[in-house]
Amino acid sequence: MQHPADWTRGNDLQLLENGEEFFPAVFEAIEGAQHEVLIETFILFEDKVGLALHEVLLRAARRGVRIDVTVDGFGSPSLSSQFVEPLIEAGARLHVFDPAPKISRRLKLFRRLHRKIVVVDGQVGFIGGINYSADHLADFGPEAKQDYAVRARGPIVEQLRLEAQRTVASAVGERWPHQPLPALAPKACPPQGEAHARLVTRDNHKHRDDIERQYRMALQSAKREVIIANAYFFPGYRLLKSLQRAAQRGVRVHLILQGQPDIAAATWAARMVYDRLIEAGVRIHEYCDRPMHGKVALVDDDWATIGSSNLDPLSLSLNLEANLVIRDKAFNASLRDKLIRLIQESCVHVRMEHTVARRWWWRLGVGALVYHIVRHFPQWMAQLPDHRPKVLPMAETSVVASTPVDETAKAWSWRRLSPSRLMPREASR
């Protein structure tokens, strides 16, 4: 069996920006499905995007397509019976990763399924940071998220398929013995393009630091330029040192971070490390049009990554994550164009005097304390008892509620996501 981190050749990879590009592409692929749809997501909300997904999945299930959808029990805490039951009756299999206890979701905050993967018929796959929620569309308003994903065709799709199958294999074997998954064996996917790609995952067993290691290796080999756009930035000591060393040897290192945060504490934590990065020559840009939710990076002109992993302790040390690592000059050029546009049009360049101006005396001590706590956070978490999350049928969990579906959202069709009908709103600044 092919190892998930093996390089594949001959892939066609298309960068998708925000929900306006991502959702129509996914829904169109599902509409054309003939055999199988596999979906993993952290968040599935019963808003207009979730209902649009429901619409295409229901049609696919009714025509005999095998559907497996896995949501995270913390990120997707509630779906109505009106949403769940028609899909189950049509033959779709809905799973919940590590359902939260009824007492409090806060008890299951750590080690979540944070991945976002879609595979249709083993022929087209999607991976990135975009969830199924309306806040990934510009018409959501000032809180709409800026994010990215990739549509993939070629041999890399089979790596995505095998990884998504592994998530639900045990649950399907126990609960649906009469509907087993296909054998977890690679299929031949013909070359579709020129890109080299590999799937890199993070779990709490064999691949604890694979994604962080890919970042560090790329930074160590960087010669000219690094651009990282990440929503929640508070990396560990080794990754911080790699960033500093790259800048110190003359590499142009740009960080695009949240300037309009959706979680204020995350931005506050990121600013705790600004000083040491700026001193090393790292250029920090805060994106201010709306919350930055991306998890992308590029190095020089032939290395890029995109996926679900933030550069913070939750993603790098606890959650299940999946990133695509790409070697392709055309893809790098496309991603670079979009990130440079953000820097030039929508970001504030953070300078040392800015960090000093907003620094209070008590923050110096708190910042040092927080930095060293997070530096040792992965080692501390590794000492906790081993946790093996369950993947359960959704109908057997507390995710299913009787909350009625909002009629306005129910009437909303996925076809309204056509790029010709949904144009990005003008920048707010």
Protein backbone atom coordinates (compact mmCIF):
# COMPACT_ATOMS: atom_id res chain seq x y z
CA MET A 1 0.00 0.00 0.00
CA GLN A 2 1.21 3.47 -0.82
CA HIS A 3 2.29 5.47 2.21
CA PRO A 4 0.20 8.65 2.63
CA ALA A 5 3.32 10.82 2.46
CA ASP A 6 4.69 9.39 -0.79
CA TRP A 7 5.09 11.83 -3.67
CA THR A 8 2.80 11.40 -6.65
CA ARG A 9 3.39 12.80 -10.13
CA GLY A 10 1.04 13.89 -12.86
CA ASN A 11 -1.55 15.85 -10.88
CA ASP A 12 -3.77 18.72 -11.95
CA LEU A 13 -4.25 21.11 -9.03
CA GLN A 14 -6.50 24.16 -9.05
CA LEU A 15 -6.43 26.75 -6.29
CA LEU A 16 -9.88 27.74 -5.02
CA GLU A 17 -10.40 30.95 -3.05
CA ASN A 18 -13.23 31.28 -0.55
CA GLY A 19 -16.66 29.72 -0.67
CA GLU A 20 -17.57 31.43 -3.94
CA GLU A 21 -15.13 29.16 -5.77
CA PHE A 22 -15.04 26.15 -3.46
CA PHE A 23 -18.70 25.33 -2.90
CA PRO A 24 -19.83 25.32 -6.56
CA ALA A 25 -16.87 23.10 -7.47
CA VAL A 26 -17.65 20.57 -4.72
CA PHE A 27 -21.39 20.53 -5.39
CA GLU A 28 -20.88 20.11 -9.13
CA ALA A 29 -18.57 17.15 -8.49
CA ILE A 30 -21.17 15.53 -6.20
CA GLU A 31 -23.91 16.11 -8.80
CA GLY A 32 -21.82 14.10 -11.24
CA ALA A 33 -20.96 11.30 -8.78
CA GLN A 34 -21.72 7.76 -9.94
CA HIS A 35 -20.24 5.54 -7.24
CA GLU A 36 -18.89 7.18 -4.09
CA VAL A 37 -18.72 10.45 -2.15
CA LEU A 38 -16.46 10.75 0.91
CA ILE A 39 -16.56 13.93 3.02
CA GLU A 40 -14.72 14.89 6.20
CA THR A 41 -15.28 18.28 7.78
CA PHE A 42 -14.85 19.99 11.11
CA ILE A 43 -17.95 22.16 10.71
CA LEU A 44 -21.26 21.46 9.01
CA PHE A 45 -23.90 24.01 9.90
CA GLU A 46 -27.53 23.90 8.91
CA ASP A 47 -27.38 27.25 7.15
CA LYS A 48 -27.71 27.95 3.44
CA VAL A 49 -24.40 26.25 2.65
CA GLY A 50 -25.15 23.17 4.75
CA LEU A 51 -28.59 22.88 3.18
CA ALA A 52 -27.09 23.24 -0.29
CA LEU A 53 -24.75 20.35 0.52
CA HIS A 54 -27.73 18.38 1.85
CA GLU A 55 -29.54 18.94 -1.43
CA VAL A 56 -26.82 17.49 -3.65
CA LEU A 57 -26.02 14.63 -1.27
CA LEU A 58 -29.66 13.60 -1.08
CA ARG A 59 -29.97 13.45 -4.85
CA ALA A 60 -26.76 11.46 -5.11
CA ALA A 61 -27.84 8.98 -2.43
CA ARG A 62 -31.22 8.47 -4.08
CA ARG A 63 -29.57 7.49 -7.36
CA GLY A 64 -27.47 4.86 -5.60
CA VAL A 65 -24.20 6.68 -4.86
CA ARG A 66 -22.49 5.47 -1.67
CA ILE A 67 -22.26 8.47 0.67
CA ASP A 68 -20.06 8.73 3.77
CA VAL A 69 -20.01 12.06 5.61
CA THR A 70 -17.99 12.48 8.82
CA VAL A 71 -18.30 15.60 10.95
CA ASP A 72 -16.51 16.50 14.15
CA GLY A 73 -18.55 16.24 17.33
CA PHE A 74 -17.20 19.52 18.69
CA GLY A 75 -17.21 21.59 15.50
CA SER A 76 -20.66 20.39 14.37
CA PRO A 77 -22.64 20.19 17.62
CA SER A 78 -26.19 20.11 16.28
CA LEU A 79 -28.15 19.16 13.17
CA SER A 80 -31.91 18.78 13.02
CA SER A 81 -33.70 15.52 12.48
CA GLN A 82 -35.16 17.09 9.30
CA PHE A 83 -31.59 17.37 8.02
CA VAL A 84 -30.33 13.95 9.09
CA GLU A 85 -33.23 11.56 8.59
CA PRO A 86 -33.85 12.05 4.83
CA LEU A 87 -30.18 11.36 4.12
CA ILE A 88 -30.16 8.21 6.24
CA GLU A 89 -33.41 7.01 4.66
CA ALA A 90 -31.83 7.51 1.22
CA GLY A 91 -28.91 5.29 2.23
CA ALA A 92 -26.28 7.87 3.17
CA ARG A 93 -24.03 7.04 6.14
CA LEU A 94 -23.45 9.98 8.48
CA HIS A 95 -20.75 9.73 11.13
CA VAL A 96 -19.65 11.83 14.09
CA PHE A 97 -16.02 11.87 15.18
CA ASP A 98 -15.72 11.71 18.97
CA PRO A 99 -19.15 13.06 19.91
CA ALA A 100 -19.15 15.52 22.77
CA PRO A 101 -20.81 14.42 26.02
CA LYS A 102 -24.26 15.81 26.70
CA ILE A 103 -22.96 17.58 29.81
CA SER A 104 -20.60 19.98 28.04
CA ARG A 105 -18.85 20.24 24.69
CA ARG A 106 -15.95 21.90 26.50
CA LEU A 107 -14.92 18.50 27.87
CA LYS A 108 -13.98 17.40 24.34
CA LEU A 109 -12.11 20.49 23.15
CA PHE A 110 -8.86 18.70 22.30
CA ARG A 111 -7.84 16.16 19.63
CA ARG A 112 -10.55 17.02 17.15
CA LEU A 113 -11.08 15.95 13.54
CA HIS A 114 -10.11 19.27 11.97
CA ARG A 115 -9.54 17.98 8.43
CA LYS A 116 -11.52 19.08 5.37
CA ILE A 117 -11.46 16.44 2.63
CA VAL A 118 -13.83 15.54 -0.21
CA VAL A 119 -13.35 12.69 -2.69
CA VAL A 120 -15.80 11.87 -5.47
CA ASP A 121 -15.58 8.55 -7.34
CA GLY A 122 -11.85 8.42 -6.63
CA GLN A 123 -11.40 10.83 -9.55
CA VAL A 124 -11.60 14.32 -8.06
CA GLY A 125 -10.62 15.44 -4.58
CA PHE A 126 -10.72 18.61 -2.52
CA ILE A 127 -8.64 19.62 0.48
CA GLY A 128 -8.16 22.90 2.30
CA GLY A 129 -9.44 24.95 5.20
CA ILE A 130 -13.03 25.69 4.16
CA ASN A 131 -15.92 24.32 6.24
CA TYR A 132 -19.56 23.98 5.22
CA SER A 133 -20.90 27.19 6.69
CA ALA A 134 -22.18 30.47 5.32
CA ASP A 135 -19.39 32.49 6.92
CA HIS A 136 -17.14 31.38 4.05
CA LEU A 137 -19.21 33.50 1.63
CA ALA A 138 -18.67 37.22 1.18
CA ASP A 139 -22.38 38.04 1.56
CA PHE A 140 -22.12 36.87 5.19
CA GLY A 141 -20.75 40.34 5.91
CA PRO A 142 -17.69 41.71 7.74
CA GLU A 143 -17.13 38.39 9.53
CA ALA A 144 -16.90 36.36 6.31
CA LYS A 145 -13.67 34.35 6.32
CA GLN A 146 -10.78 34.51 3.85
CA ASP A 147 -9.69 30.97 3.00
CA TYR A 148 -8.37 28.56 0.36
CA ALA A 149 -8.73 25.01 -0.92
CA VAL A 150 -7.46 22.85 -3.79
CA ARG A 151 -9.33 20.81 -6.38
CA ALA A 152 -7.16 17.83 -7.35
CA ARG A 153 -7.23 15.35 -10.19
CA GLY A 154 -4.66 12.64 -10.77
CA PRO A 155 -2.84 10.07 -8.60
CA ILE A 156 -2.97 12.22 -5.45
CA VAL A 157 -6.74 11.72 -5.29
CA GLU A 158 -6.27 8.10 -4.27
CA GLN A 159 -4.20 9.19 -1.26
CA LEU A 160 -7.09 11.44 -0.22
CA ARG A 161 -9.56 8.61 -0.75
CA LEU A 162 -7.62 6.09 1.33
CA GLU A 163 -7.20 8.60 4.17
CA ALA A 164 -10.91 9.46 4.21
CA GLN A 165 -11.83 5.78 4.13
CA ARG A 166 -9.65 5.03 7.14
CA THR A 167 -11.61 7.51 9.23
CA VAL A 168 -14.87 5.60 8.89
CA ALA A 169 -13.64 2.05 8.22
CA SER A 170 -14.05 0.78 11.79
CA ALA A 171 -17.46 2.37 12.26
CA VAL A 172 -18.73 0.99 8.96
CA GLY A 173 -17.44 -2.47 9.77
CA GLU A 174 -19.27 -2.53 13.09
CA ARG A 175 -22.50 -0.75 12.22
CA TRP A 176 -23.03 -1.49 8.55
CA PRO A 177 -21.58 -4.98 7.97
CA HIS A 178 -23.91 -5.44 5.01
CA GLN A 179 -22.51 -2.28 3.37
CA PRO A 180 -18.74 -2.61 3.75
CA LEU A 181 -16.32 -0.09 2.39
CA PRO A 182 -14.32 -1.09 -0.66
CA ALA A 183 -10.96 -2.63 0.13
CA LEU A 184 -8.39 -0.10 1.30
CA ALA A 185 -6.15 -0.64 -1.70
CA PRO A 186 -4.86 1.96 -4.15
CA LYS A 187 -6.53 2.33 -7.51
CA ALA A 188 -4.81 3.46 -10.66
CA CYS A 189 -5.51 7.17 -11.22
CA PRO A 190 -4.22 8.31 -14.60
CA PRO A 191 -2.02 11.41 -14.78
CA GLN A 192 -3.97 14.63 -15.29
CA GLY A 193 -1.27 17.30 -15.13
CA GLU A 194 2.32 18.10 -14.20
CA ALA A 195 2.20 18.79 -10.46
CA HIS A 196 3.96 16.69 -7.82
CA ALA A 197 1.98 16.32 -4.60
CA ARG A 198 1.89 14.38 -1.37
CA LEU A 199 -0.66 14.12 1.40
CA VAL A 200 0.77 14.84 4.85
CA THR A 201 -1.36 14.15 7.91
CA ARG A 202 -1.09 14.75 11.64
CA ASP A 203 -2.48 12.35 14.24
CA ASN A 204 -1.73 11.34 17.81
CA HIS A 205 0.01 8.08 16.99
CA LYS A 206 2.45 7.64 14.10
CA HIS A 207 2.37 11.11 12.56
CA ARG A 208 2.50 13.49 15.50
CA ASP A 209 4.69 16.19 13.91
CA ASP A 210 4.66 15.41 10.18
CA ILE A 211 3.08 18.69 9.09
CA GLU A 212 5.32 20.85 11.28
CA ARG A 213 8.34 18.94 10.00
CA GLN A 214 7.36 19.69 6.40
CA TYR A 215 7.24 23.41 7.25
CA ARG A 216 10.63 23.30 8.94
CA MET A 217 12.28 21.42 6.08
CA ALA A 218 10.89 23.90 3.56
CA LEU A 219 12.09 26.87 5.63
CA GLN A 220 15.55 25.36 5.96
CA SER A 221 15.80 24.98 2.18
CA ALA A 222 14.34 28.42 1.34
CA LYS A 223 16.62 30.60 -0.79
CA ARG A 224 14.62 33.69 -1.75
CA GLU A 225 11.08 33.97 -0.42
CA VAL A 226 8.62 32.53 2.08
CA ILE A 227 4.99 33.60 2.35
CA ILE A 228 2.79 32.08 5.04
CA ALA A 229 -0.88 32.99 5.50
CA ASN A 230 -2.32 31.41 8.61
CA ALA A 231 -5.33 32.05 10.77
CA TYR A 232 -4.07 31.02 14.19
CA PHE A 233 -0.36 31.56 14.53
CA PHE A 234 1.44 30.53 17.69
CA PRO A 235 4.00 27.93 16.64
CA GLY A 236 6.38 26.03 18.85
CA TYR A 237 9.98 26.88 19.52
CA ARG A 238 11.50 24.88 16.65
CA LEU A 239 9.25 26.38 13.99
CA LEU A 240 9.83 29.89 15.33
CA LYS A 241 13.58 29.33 15.14
CA SER A 242 13.27 28.10 11.56
CA LEU A 243 11.43 31.28 10.61
CA GLN A 244 14.00 33.45 12.34
CA ARG A 245 16.96 31.67 10.76
CA ALA A 246 15.47 31.90 7.28
CA ALA A 247 15.04 35.66 7.64
CA GLN A 248 18.48 36.10 9.17
CA ARG A 249 20.19 34.49 6.18
CA GLY A 250 18.47 36.89 3.80
CA VAL A 251 15.27 35.09 2.80
CA ARG A 252 12.25 37.41 2.45
CA VAL A 253 9.86 35.93 5.01
CA HIS A 254 6.30 37.29 4.96
CA LEU A 255 3.63 36.32 7.48
CA ILE A 256 -0.02 37.19 6.73
CA LEU A 257 -1.90 36.92 10.02
CA GLN A 258 -5.22 38.01 11.46
CA GLY A 259 -5.75 41.71 11.89
CA GLN A 260 -9.52 41.40 12.22
CA PRO A 261 -9.76 38.36 14.46
CA ASP A 262 -12.68 35.99 14.82
CA ILE A 263 -11.06 34.75 18.05
CA ALA A 264 -9.43 37.69 19.82
CA ALA A 265 -7.32 35.52 22.13
CA ALA A 266 -5.67 33.84 19.15
CA THR A 267 -4.52 37.16 17.72
CA TRP A 268 -3.36 38.33 21.14
CA ALA A 269 -1.27 35.16 21.47
CA ALA A 270 0.26 35.62 18.02
CA ARG A 271 1.35 39.14 18.90
CA MET A 272 3.34 37.74 21.81
CA VAL A 273 5.98 36.53 19.33
CA TYR A 274 5.97 39.52 16.96
CA ASP A 275 8.99 41.21 18.52
CA ARG A 276 11.41 38.33 18.18
CA LEU A 277 10.29 37.67 14.60
CA ILE A 278 10.54 41.30 13.50
CA GLU A 279 13.97 41.58 15.10
CA ALA A 280 15.11 38.65 12.94
CA GLY A 281 13.83 40.37 9.77
CA VAL A 282 10.45 38.65 9.36
CA ARG A 283 7.84 40.90 7.73
CA ILE A 284 4.47 40.62 9.49
CA HIS A 285 1.28 41.74 7.74
CA GLU A 286 -2.10 41.79 9.48
CA TYR A 287 -4.98 41.15 7.11
CA CYS A 288 -7.73 43.60 7.97
CA ASP A 289 -10.57 43.17 5.47
CA ARG A 290 -12.14 40.26 7.35
CA PRO A 291 -11.02 37.29 9.48
CA MET A 292 -8.13 35.36 7.94
CA HIS A 293 -8.93 31.66 8.02
CA GLY A 294 -6.36 30.37 5.51
CA LYS A 295 -3.71 27.73 6.15
CA VAL A 296 -1.40 28.14 3.16
CA ALA A 297 2.29 28.73 2.54
CA LEU A 298 4.79 28.87 -0.30
CA VAL A 299 8.57 28.74 -0.48
CA ASP A 300 10.45 30.12 -3.50
CA ASP A 301 8.76 29.12 -6.73
CA ASP A 302 8.26 25.37 -6.38
CA TRP A 303 6.99 24.43 -2.88
CA ALA A 304 3.57 25.11 -1.39
CA THR A 305 1.21 23.66 1.16
CA ILE A 306 -2.50 24.04 1.72
CA GLY A 307 -4.80 22.24 4.09
CA SER A 308 -6.47 22.33 7.48
CA SER A 309 -3.51 22.83 9.81
CA ASN A 310 -3.06 26.10 11.62
CA LEU A 311 0.32 26.94 13.11
CA ASP A 312 -0.79 26.75 16.72
CA PRO A 313 -0.68 24.11 19.48
CA LEU A 314 -4.11 22.67 18.71
CA SER A 315 -3.26 21.91 15.08
CA LEU A 316 0.41 21.06 15.50
CA SER A 317 0.09 18.94 18.66
CA LEU A 318 -3.47 17.69 19.14
CA ASN A 319 -5.92 17.71 16.23
CA LEU A 320 -6.21 15.39 13.27
CA GLU A 321 -5.08 17.49 10.31
CA ALA A 322 -4.37 17.03 6.62
CA ASN A 323 -2.29 19.19 4.28
CA LEU A 324 -1.33 18.80 0.66
CA VAL A 325 2.32 19.56 -0.08
CA ILE A 326 2.83 20.64 -3.68
CA ARG A 327 5.75 21.08 -6.02
CA ASP A 328 4.52 22.95 -9.07
CA LYS A 329 5.61 26.32 -10.40
CA ALA A 330 2.24 27.15 -11.92
CA PHE A 331 0.42 26.48 -8.64
CA ASN A 332 2.99 28.51 -6.71
CA ALA A 333 2.57 31.42 -9.10
CA SER A 334 -1.22 31.33 -8.70
CA LEU A 335 -1.03 31.22 -4.92
CA ARG A 336 1.65 33.91 -4.80
CA ASP A 337 -0.44 36.28 -6.92
CA LYS A 338 -3.35 36.00 -4.49
CA LEU A 339 -1.20 36.41 -1.36
CA ILE A 340 0.77 39.37 -2.73
CA ARG A 341 -2.53 41.04 -3.59
CA LEU A 342 -3.63 40.61 0.03
CA ILE A 343 -0.37 42.14 1.27
CA GLN A 344 -0.60 45.10 -1.07
CA GLU A 345 -4.31 45.86 -0.82
CA SER A 346 -5.68 44.53 2.46
CA CYS A 347 -2.92 44.31 5.05
CA VAL A 348 -1.22 46.54 7.60
CA HIS A 349 2.53 46.05 7.80
CA VAL A 350 3.41 45.62 11.48
CA ARG A 351 6.64 47.39 12.47
CA MET A 352 8.61 47.22 15.67
CA GLU A 353 7.36 50.62 16.81
CA HIS A 354 3.79 49.32 16.54
CA THR A 355 4.48 46.45 18.89
CA VAL A 356 6.19 48.77 21.37
CA ALA A 357 3.36 51.32 21.17
CA ARG A 358 0.69 48.81 22.11
CA ARG A 359 2.79 47.06 24.76
CA TRP A 360 1.83 47.47 28.41
CA TRP A 361 4.16 46.61 31.24
CA TRP A 362 2.11 43.62 32.39
CA ARG A 363 2.06 42.14 28.88
CA LEU A 364 5.82 41.70 28.90
CA GLY A 365 5.66 39.21 31.75
CA VAL A 366 2.47 37.55 30.48
CA GLY A 367 3.93 37.25 27.00
CA ALA A 368 7.07 35.53 28.25
CA LEU A 369 5.01 33.18 30.41
CA VAL A 370 2.61 32.28 27.59
CA TYR A 371 5.45 31.76 25.15
CA HIS A 372 7.23 29.27 27.39
CA ILE A 373 4.00 27.46 28.29
CA VAL A 374 3.21 26.93 24.64
CA ARG A 375 6.81 25.99 23.91
CA HIS A 376 6.42 22.97 26.19
CA PHE A 377 2.72 22.36 25.49
CA PRO A 378 3.21 19.41 23.07
CA GLN A 379 5.42 17.52 25.54
CA TRP A 380 2.91 18.06 28.33
CA MET A 381 -0.02 16.88 26.24
CA ALA A 382 1.92 13.78 25.20
CA GLN A 383 1.94 12.72 28.87
CA LEU A 384 -1.85 12.58 29.06
CA PRO A 385 -3.54 9.16 28.87
CA ASP A 386 -3.93 7.85 25.34
CA HIS A 387 -7.20 8.92 23.78
CA ARG A 388 -8.76 6.86 21.00
CA PRO A 389 -11.74 8.77 19.61
CA LYS A 390 -14.75 6.87 18.31
CA VAL A 391 -16.51 7.41 15.02
CA LEU A 392 -20.21 6.78 15.60
CA PRO A 393 -23.33 6.90 13.45
CA MET A 394 -24.82 10.35 13.71
CA ALA A 395 -28.28 9.04 14.63
CA GLU A 396 -26.81 7.53 17.81
CA THR A 397 -25.29 10.78 19.07
CA SER A 398 -26.50 14.00 20.65
CA VAL A 399 -25.66 15.88 17.45
CA VAL A 400 -29.16 15.19 16.13
CA ALA A 401 -31.65 17.65 17.60
CA SER A 402 -35.25 18.45 16.82
CA THR A 403 -34.58 22.10 16.05
CA PRO A 404 -36.72 23.09 13.05
CA VAL A 405 -34.99 24.26 9.89
CA ASP A 406 -35.30 27.96 9.13
CA GLU A 407 -37.62 28.22 6.13
CA THR A 408 -35.57 30.99 4.49
CA ALA A 409 -32.46 28.87 4.57
CA LYS A 410 -34.41 25.79 3.48
CA ALA A 411 -35.55 27.47 0.30
CA TRP A 412 -32.03 28.45 -0.65
CA SER A 413 -30.65 26.40 -3.57
CA TRP A 414 -27.01 25.50 -4.15
CA ARG A 415 -27.32 26.72 -7.71
CA ARG A 416 -27.26 30.26 -6.35
CA LEU A 417 -23.60 29.62 -5.63
CA SER A 418 -22.80 29.91 -9.34
CA PRO A 419 -19.78 32.22 -9.71
CA SER A 420 -21.73 34.25 -12.25
CA ARG A 421 -24.38 35.00 -9.63
CA LEU A 422 -22.23 35.47 -6.56
CA MET A 423 -19.61 38.16 -7.00
CA PRO A 424 -17.19 38.98 -4.18
CA ARG A 425 -18.18 42.08 -2.28
CA GLU A 426 -15.97 45.14 -2.48
CA ALA A 427 -13.17 45.42 0.04
CA SER A 428 -14.21 47.33 3.14
CA ARG A 429 -11.07 49.47 3.07
